[in-house]
PDB file of N, CA and C in Angstrom:
ATOM      1  N   MET A   1      -1.175  14.144  -2.768  1.00  0.00           N
ATOM      2  CA  MET A   1      -2.722  14.058  -1.536  1.00  0.00           C
ATOM      3  C   MET A   1      -3.754  12.447  -1.803  1.00  0.00           C
ATOM      4  N   LEU A   2      -4.034  13.020  -3.330  1.00  0.00           N
ATOM      5  CA  LEU A   2      -5.120  11.723  -3.748  1.00  0.00           C
ATOM      6  C   LEU A   2      -4.288  10.409  -3.473  1.00  0.00           C
ATOM      7  N   THR A   3      -3.266  10.383  -3.976  1.00  0.00           N
ATOM      8  CA  THR A   3      -2.476   8.834  -3.762  1.00  0.00           C
ATOM      9  C   THR A   3      -2.675   8.280  -2.069  1.00  0.00           C
ATOM     10  N   ASN A   4      -2.490   9.352  -1.465  1.00  0.00           N
ATOM     11  CA  ASN A   4      -2.188   9.178  -0.020  1.00  0.00           C
ATOM     12  C   ASN A   4      -3.619   8.403   0.548  1.00  0.00           C
ATOM     13  N   ILE A   5      -4.573   9.403   0.013  1.00  0.00           N
ATOM     14  CA  ILE A   5      -6.358   8.800   0.052  1.00  0.00           C
ATOM     15  C   ILE A   5      -6.539   7.364  -0.644  1.00  0.00           C
ATOM     16  N   HIS A   6      -6.093   7.024  -1.737  1.00  0.00           N
ATOM     17  CA  HIS A   6      -6.195   5.905  -2.201  1.00  0.00           C
ATOM     18  C   HIS A   6      -5.739   4.668  -1.464  1.00  0.00           C
ATOM     19  N   ARG A   7      -4.344   5.219  -0.889  1.00  0.00           N
ATOM     20  CA  ARG A   7      -2.966   4.351  -0.116  1.00  0.00           C
ATOM     21  C   ARG A   7      -3.717   3.927   1.261  1.00  0.00           C
ATOM     22  N   HIS A   8      -3.846   4.692   1.854  1.00  0.00           N
ATOM     23  CA  HIS A   8      -4.334   4.564   3.254  1.00  0.00           C
ATOM     24  C   HIS A   8      -5.780   5.333   4.111  1.00  0.00           C
ATOM     25  N   SER A   9      -6.443   5.505   3.490  1.00  0.00           N
ATOM     26  CA  SER A   9      -7.446   6.370   4.369  1.00  0.00           C
ATOM     27  C   SER A   9      -8.687   5.236   3.957  1.00  0.00           C
ATOM     28  N   GLY A  10      -8.648   4.442   2.695  1.00  0.00           N
ATOM     29  CA  GLY A  10      -9.398   3.396   3.105  1.00  0.00           C
ATOM     30  C   GLY A  10     -11.401   4.577   2.594  1.00  0.00           C
ATOM     31  N   SER A  11     -11.186   5.281   2.205  1.00  0.00           N
ATOM     32  CA  SER A  11     -12.101   6.303   1.731  1.00  0.00           C
ATOM     33  C   SER A  11     -12.332   5.593   0.438  1.00  0.00           C
ATOM     34  N   ALA A  12     -13.428   5.339  -0.355  1.00  0.00           N
ATOM     35  CA  ALA A  12     -14.007   5.212  -1.820  1.00  0.00           C
ATOM     36  C   ALA A  12     -13.837   6.470  -2.848  1.00  0.00           C
ATOM     37  N   THR A  13     -13.946   8.013  -2.282  1.00  0.00           N
ATOM     38  CA  THR A  13     -14.030   8.973  -2.644  1.00  0.00           C
ATOM     39  C   THR A  13     -13.044   9.787  -2.184  1.00  0.00           C
ATOM     40  N   ALA A  14     -13.331  10.893  -2.737  1.00  0.00           N
ATOM     41  CA  ALA A  14     -12.251  12.309  -1.844  1.00  0.00           C
ATOM     42  C   ALA A  14     -13.012  13.539  -3.103  1.00  0.00           C
ATOM     43  N   SER A  15     -13.036  14.554  -2.073  1.00  0.00           N
ATOM     44  CA  SER A  15     -13.705  16.217  -3.030  1.00  0.00           C
ATOM     45  C   SER A  15     -12.321  16.946  -2.707  1.00  0.00           C
ATOM     46  N   ILE A  16     -12.267  17.832  -3.924  1.00  0.00           N
ATOM     47  CA  ILE A  16     -11.431  18.765  -4.442  1.00  0.00           C
ATOM     48  C   ILE A  16     -11.637  19.830  -4.120  1.00  0.00           C
ATOM     49  N   ARG A  17     -11.611  21.248  -3.468  1.00  0.00           N
ATOM     50  CA  ARG A  17     -12.182  22.400  -4.133  1.00  0.00           C
ATOM     51  C   ARG A  17     -10.941  23.116  -4.010  1.00  0.00           C
ATOM     52  N   ILE A  18     -11.131  24.071  -4.833  1.00  0.00           N
ATOM     53  CA  ILE A  18      -9.970  25.163  -5.106  1.00  0.00           C
ATOM     54  C   ILE A  18     -10.608  26.930  -5.050  1.00  0.00           C
ATOM     55  N   ASN A  19     -10.301  27.371  -4.278  1.00  0.00           N
ATOM     56  CA  ASN A  19     -11.059  28.812  -4.041  1.00  0.00           C
ATOM     57  C   ASN A  19      -9.651  30.021  -4.048  1.00  0.00           C
ATOM     58  N   THR A  20      -9.874  31.080  -4.307  1.00  0.00           N
ATOM     59  CA  THR A  20      -8.663  32.126  -3.614  1.00  0.00           C
ATOM     60  C   THR A  20      -9.380  32.598  -2.465  1.00  0.00           C
ATOM     61  N   GLN A  21      -8.586  33.275  -1.387  1.00  0.00           N
ATOM     62  CA  GLN A  21      -8.798  33.980  -0.125  1.00  0.00           C
ATOM     63  C   GLN A  21      -7.572  35.337  -0.689  1.00  0.00           C
ATOM     64  N   GLY A  22      -7.918  36.260  -1.009  1.00  0.00           N
ATOM     65  CA  GLY A  22      -7.163  37.360  -1.261  1.00  0.00           C
ATOM     66  C   GLY A  22      -6.198  37.007  -2.284  1.00  0.00           C
ATOM     67  N   ASP A  23      -4.855  37.033  -2.268  1.00  0.00           N
ATOM     68  CA  ASP A  23      -3.946  36.851  -3.144  1.00  0.00           C
ATOM     69  C   ASP A  23      -3.616  35.395  -3.010  1.00  0.00           C
ATOM     70  N   ARG A  24      -3.894  34.585  -1.989  1.00  0.00           N
ATOM     71  CA  ARG A  24      -3.724  33.041  -1.892  1.00  0.00           C
ATOM     72  C   ARG A  24      -4.706  32.155  -2.189  1.00  0.00           C
ATOM     73  N   ILE A  25      -3.996  30.910  -3.339  1.00  0.00           N
ATOM     74  CA  ILE A  25      -4.761  30.257  -3.450  1.00  0.00           C
ATOM     75  C   ILE A  25      -5.247  28.814  -2.455  1.00  0.00           C
ATOM     76  N   VAL A  26      -6.492  28.479  -2.220  1.00  0.00           N
ATOM     77  CA  VAL A  26      -6.395  27.388  -1.606  1.00  0.00           C
ATOM     78  C   VAL A  26      -7.118  26.528  -2.189  1.00  0.00           C
ATOM     79  N   LEU A  27      -6.550  24.939  -1.621  1.00  0.00           N
ATOM     80  CA  LEU A  27      -6.675  23.709  -1.970  1.00  0.00           C
ATOM     81  C   LEU A  27      -6.891  23.013  -1.430  1.00  0.00           C
ATOM     82  N   GLU A  28      -8.094  22.801  -0.941  1.00  0.00           N
ATOM     83  CA  GLU A  28      -8.929  21.568  -0.115  1.00  0.00           C
ATOM     84  C   GLU A  28      -9.586  20.287  -0.352  1.00  0.00           C
ATOM     85  N   VAL A  29      -8.509  19.127   0.095  1.00  0.00           N
ATOM     86  CA  VAL A  29      -8.911  18.075  -0.029  1.00  0.00           C
ATOM     87  C   VAL A  29      -9.234  17.233   0.641  1.00  0.00           C
ATOM     88  N   GLN A  30     -10.699  16.369   0.407  1.00  0.00           N
ATOM     89  CA  GLN A  30     -11.012  15.743   1.852  1.00  0.00           C
ATOM     90  C   GLN A  30     -11.441  14.615   1.691  1.00  0.00           C
ATOM     91  N   ASP A  31     -11.319  13.904   2.303  1.00  0.00           N
ATOM     92  CA  ASP A  31     -12.148  12.112   1.825  1.00  0.00           C
ATOM     93  C   ASP A  31     -12.880  11.921   3.571  1.00  0.00           C
ATOM     94  N   ARG A  32     -13.736  10.580   3.423  1.00  0.00           N
ATOM     95  CA  ARG A  32     -14.421  10.335   4.627  1.00  0.00           C
ATOM     96  C   ARG A  32     -13.716   8.759   4.790  1.00  0.00           C
ATOM     97  N   GLY A  33     -12.669   8.627   5.033  1.00  0.00           N
ATOM     98  CA  GLY A  33     -11.849   7.471   5.029  1.00  0.00           C
ATOM     99  C   GLY A  33     -11.469   7.596   6.661  1.00  0.00           C
ATOM    100  N   LYS A  34     -11.037   6.313   7.380  1.00  0.00           N
ATOM    101  CA  LYS A  34     -10.418   6.210   8.379  1.00  0.00           C
ATOM    102  C   LYS A  34     -10.028   7.469   9.546  1.00  0.00           C
ATOM    103  N   GLY A  35      -9.078   8.263   9.063  1.00  0.00           N
ATOM    104  CA  GLY A  35      -8.734   9.573   9.714  1.00  0.00           C
ATOM    105  C   GLY A  35      -7.049   9.040   9.649  1.00  0.00           C
ATOM    106  N   ILE A  36      -6.503   9.637  10.492  1.00  0.00           N
ATOM    107  CA  ILE A  36      -5.067   9.166  11.436  1.00  0.00           C
ATOM    108  C   ILE A  36      -5.130   9.811  12.379  1.00  0.00           C
ATOM    109  N   ALA A  37      -4.896   8.488  13.404  1.00  0.00           N
ATOM    110  CA  ALA A  37      -4.130   8.540  14.824  1.00  0.00           C
ATOM    111  C   ALA A  37      -3.703   9.445  15.178  1.00  0.00           C
ATOM    112  N   ALA A  38      -4.146  10.330  16.191  1.00  0.00           N
ATOM    113  CA  ALA A  38      -4.116  11.802  17.215  1.00  0.00           C
ATOM    114  C   ALA A  38      -2.470  11.192  17.392  1.00  0.00           C
ATOM    115  N   GLU A  39      -1.442  10.289  17.691  1.00  0.00           N
ATOM    116  CA  GLU A  39      -0.375  10.402  17.921  1.00  0.00           C
ATOM    117  C   GLU A  39       0.238  10.611  16.262  1.00  0.00           C
ATOM    118  N   LYS A  40       0.222  10.048  15.212  1.00  0.00           N
ATOM    119  CA  LYS A  40       0.721  10.282  13.784  1.00  0.00           C
ATOM    120  C   LYS A  40       0.417  11.533  13.449  1.00  0.00           C
ATOM    121  N   LEU A  41      -0.702  12.161  13.904  1.00  0.00           N
ATOM    122  CA  LEU A  41      -1.083  13.600  13.490  1.00  0.00           C
ATOM    123  C   LEU A  41      -0.367  14.944  14.153  1.00  0.00           C
ATOM    124  N   GLN A  42       0.020  14.467  15.682  1.00  0.00           N
ATOM    125  CA  GLN A  42       0.651  15.001  16.120  1.00  0.00           C
ATOM    126  C   GLN A  42       2.422  15.257  15.270  1.00  0.00           C
ATOM    127  N   ARG A  43       3.197  14.126  15.153  1.00  0.00           N
ATOM    128  CA  ARG A  43       4.547  13.772  14.548  1.00  0.00           C
ATOM    129  C   ARG A  43       4.095  14.467  12.977  1.00  0.00           C
ATOM    130  N   LEU A  44       2.995  14.718  12.226  1.00  0.00           N
ATOM    131  CA  LEU A  44       2.765  15.412  11.076  1.00  0.00           C
ATOM    132  C   LEU A  44       2.962  16.477  10.870  1.00  0.00           C
ATOM    133  N   ALA A  45       2.510  17.212  12.183  1.00  0.00           N
ATOM    134  CA  ALA A  45       2.465  18.991  12.210  1.00  0.00           C
ATOM    135  C   ALA A  45       4.104  19.054  12.238  1.00  0.00           C
ATOM    136  N   LYS A  46       4.415  18.325  13.156  1.00  0.00           N
ATOM    137  CA  LYS A  46       6.668  18.841  12.780  1.00  0.00           C
ATOM    138  C   LYS A  46       7.069  18.247  11.862  1.00  0.00           C
ATOM    139  N   VAL A  47       7.588  19.759  10.825  1.00  0.00           N
ATOM    140  CA  VAL A  47       8.141  19.394   9.603  1.00  0.00           C
ATOM    141  C   VAL A  47       9.220  17.810   9.892  1.00  0.00           C
ATOM    142  N   GLY A  48       9.220  17.141   8.287  1.00  0.00           N
ATOM    143  CA  GLY A  48      10.020  16.129   9.018  1.00  0.00           C
ATOM    144  C   GLY A  48      10.367  15.177   9.863  1.00  0.00           C
ATOM    145  N   GLN A  49       8.902  15.431  10.249  1.00  0.00           N
ATOM    146  CA  GLN A  49       9.442  14.106  11.255  1.00  0.00           C
ATOM    147  C   GLN A  49       8.415  12.671  11.104  1.00  0.00           C
ATOM    148  N   ILE A  50       7.332  12.820   9.920  1.00  0.00           N
ATOM    149  CA  ILE A  50       7.411  11.131   9.168  1.00  0.00           C
ATOM    150  C   ILE A  50       6.158  11.508   7.991  1.00  0.00           C
ATOM    151  N   GLY A  51       5.982   9.948   7.141  1.00  0.00           N
ATOM    152  CA  GLY A  51       5.591  10.440   6.115  1.00  0.00           C
ATOM    153  C   GLY A  51       6.029  11.190   5.123  1.00  0.00           C
ATOM    154  N   VAL A  52       6.808  10.147   4.251  1.00  0.00           N
ATOM    155  CA  VAL A  52       7.631  10.760   2.882  1.00  0.00           C
ATOM    156  C   VAL A  52       6.919  11.375   2.210  1.00  0.00           C
ATOM    157  N   GLY A  53       5.135  10.655   1.832  1.00  0.00           N
ATOM    158  CA  GLY A  53       4.265  11.746   1.005  1.00  0.00           C
ATOM    159  C   GLY A  53       4.116  13.198   1.694  1.00  0.00           C
ATOM    160  N   PHE A  54       3.835  13.522   2.925  1.00  0.00           N
ATOM    161  CA  PHE A  54       3.668  15.075   3.312  1.00  0.00           C
ATOM    162  C   PHE A  54       4.482  15.614   3.458  1.00  0.00           C
ATOM    163  N   THR A  55       5.979  15.297   3.875  1.00  0.00           N
ATOM    164  CA  THR A  55       7.043  15.516   3.908  1.00  0.00           C
ATOM    165  C   THR A  55       7.094  16.649   2.334  1.00  0.00           C
ATOM    166  N   GLY A  56       6.992  15.103   1.305  1.00  0.00           N
ATOM    167  CA  GLY A  56       7.382  15.700  -0.225  1.00  0.00           C
ATOM    168  C   GLY A  56       6.234  17.280  -0.221  1.00  0.00           C
ATOM    169  N   MET A  57       5.321  17.022  -0.181  1.00  0.00           N
ATOM    170  CA  MET A  57       4.357  18.035  -0.325  1.00  0.00           C
ATOM    171  C   MET A  57       4.303  18.972   0.200  1.00  0.00           C
ATOM    172  N   ARG A  58       4.893  19.275   1.551  1.00  0.00           N
ATOM    173  CA  ARG A  58       5.556  20.627   2.522  1.00  0.00           C
ATOM    174  C   ARG A  58       6.374  21.232   1.869  1.00  0.00           C
ATOM    175  N   GLU A  59       7.265  19.977   1.385  1.00  0.00           N
ATOM    176  CA  GLU A  59       8.484  20.903   0.461  1.00  0.00           C
ATOM    177  C   GLU A  59       8.141  21.648  -0.646  1.00  0.00           C
ATOM    178  N   ARG A  60       7.244  20.880  -1.431  1.00  0.00           N
ATOM    179  CA  ARG A  60       7.134  21.387  -2.509  1.00  0.00           C
ATOM    180  C   ARG A  60       6.534  23.082  -2.333  1.00  0.00           C
ATOM    181  N   LEU A  61       5.372  22.207  -1.329  1.00  0.00           N
ATOM    182  CA  LEU A  61       4.597  23.923  -1.336  1.00  0.00           C
ATOM    183  C   LEU A  61       5.329  24.937  -0.405  1.00  0.00           C
ATOM    184  N   ARG A  62       6.186  24.802   0.348  1.00  0.00           N
ATOM    185  CA  ARG A  62       7.332  25.626   0.704  1.00  0.00           C
ATOM    186  C   ARG A  62       8.170  26.250  -0.102  1.00  0.00           C
ATOM    187  N   GLN A  63       8.768  25.743  -0.958  1.00  0.00           N
ATOM    188  CA  GLN A  63       9.525  26.316  -2.600  1.00  0.00           C
ATOM    189  C   GLN A  63       8.557  27.510  -2.927  1.00  0.00           C
ATOM    190  N   LEU A  64       7.146  27.217  -3.209  1.00  0.00           N
ATOM    191  CA  LEU A  64       6.068  27.894  -3.776  1.00  0.00           C
ATOM    192  C   LEU A  64       5.783  29.329  -2.703  1.00  0.00           C
ATOM    193  N   GLY A  65       6.268  29.144  -1.749  1.00  0.00           N
ATOM    194  CA  GLY A  65       5.540  29.807  -0.783  1.00  0.00           C
ATOM    195  C   GLY A  65       4.133  29.753  -0.140  1.00  0.00           C
ATOM    196  N   GLY A  66       4.163  28.768  -0.161  1.00  0.00           N
ATOM    197  CA  GLY A  66       2.966  27.724   0.498  1.00  0.00           C
ATOM    198  C   GLY A  66       3.145  27.128   1.968  1.00  0.00           C
ATOM    199  N   THR A  67       2.203  26.603   1.896  1.00  0.00           N
ATOM    200  CA  THR A  67       2.163  25.876   3.343  1.00  0.00           C
ATOM    201  C   THR A  67       1.100  24.807   3.274  1.00  0.00           C
ATOM    202  N   LEU A  68       1.211  23.892   4.235  1.00  0.00           N
ATOM    203  CA  LEU A  68       0.516  22.435   4.151  1.00  0.00           C
ATOM    204  C   LEU A  68      -0.320  22.141   5.472  1.00  0.00           C
ATOM    205  N   GLU A  69      -1.283  22.283   6.134  1.00  0.00           N
ATOM    206  CA  GLU A  69      -2.324  21.994   7.005  1.00  0.00           C
ATOM    207  C   GLU A  69      -2.812  20.406   6.932  1.00  0.00           C
ATOM    208  N   ILE A  70      -2.879  19.654   8.063  1.00  0.00           N
ATOM    209  CA  ILE A  70      -3.223  18.423   7.911  1.00  0.00           C
ATOM    210  C   ILE A  70      -4.231  18.460   9.184  1.00  0.00           C
ATOM    211  N   GLN A  71      -5.429  18.053   8.603  1.00  0.00           N
ATOM    212  CA  GLN A  71      -6.620  18.321   9.590  1.00  0.00           C
ATOM    213  C   GLN A  71      -7.364  16.588   9.885  1.00  0.00           C
ATOM    214  N   SER A  72      -7.251  16.024  10.998  1.00  0.00           N
ATOM    215  CA  SER A  72      -8.132  14.903  10.642  1.00  0.00           C
ATOM    216  C   SER A  72      -9.016  14.421  11.867  1.00  0.00           C
ATOM    217  N   GLU A  73      -9.758  13.397  11.538  1.00  0.00           N
ATOM    218  CA  GLU A  73     -10.284  12.692  12.723  1.00  0.00           C
ATOM    219  C   GLU A  73     -10.212  11.339  13.146  1.00  0.00           C
ATOM    220  N   GLU A  74      -9.759  11.115  13.885  1.00  0.00           N
ATOM    221  CA  GLU A  74      -9.416   9.177  13.734  1.00  0.00           C
ATOM    222  C   GLU A  74     -10.926   8.765  14.187  1.00  0.00           C
ATOM    223  N   LYS A  75     -11.311   7.459  13.055  1.00  0.00           N
ATOM    224  CA  LYS A  75     -12.835   7.068  13.245  1.00  0.00           C
ATOM    225  C   LYS A  75     -12.553   6.060  13.926  1.00  0.00           C
ATOM    226  N   GLU A  76     -13.455   5.208  14.508  1.00  0.00           N
ATOM    227  CA  GLU A  76     -13.619   4.053  15.375  1.00  0.00           C
ATOM    228  C   GLU A  76     -13.742   3.202  14.683  1.00  0.00           C
ATOM    229  N   ARG A  77     -12.938   1.927  14.281  1.00  0.00           N
ATOM    230  CA  ARG A  77     -13.652   0.836  13.818  1.00  0.00           C
ATOM    231  C   ARG A  77     -14.460   0.314  14.283  1.00  0.00           C
ATOM    232  N   TRP A  78     -15.563  -0.496  13.778  1.00  0.00           N
ATOM    233  CA  TRP A  78     -16.184  -1.503  14.442  1.00  0.00           C
ATOM    234  C   TRP A  78     -16.290  -2.704  13.894  1.00  0.00           C
TER     235      TRP A  78
END
């Protein structure tokens, strides 16, 4: 996740939060970068559709019984 932020987001920083929700561990990674275009975000939501990094993360999490959720707002560039 941090590699994707570094390579693609344009954000100088990222925050990482880890907490538990019942018997689940939740890892949240957030940046203040340019966001992901809505069209690409829709394709990322479909397993295996795009993004080698996201596909690899999703597969590793699936093997551990986890899931990957991606939320983004595309920022306008001035």
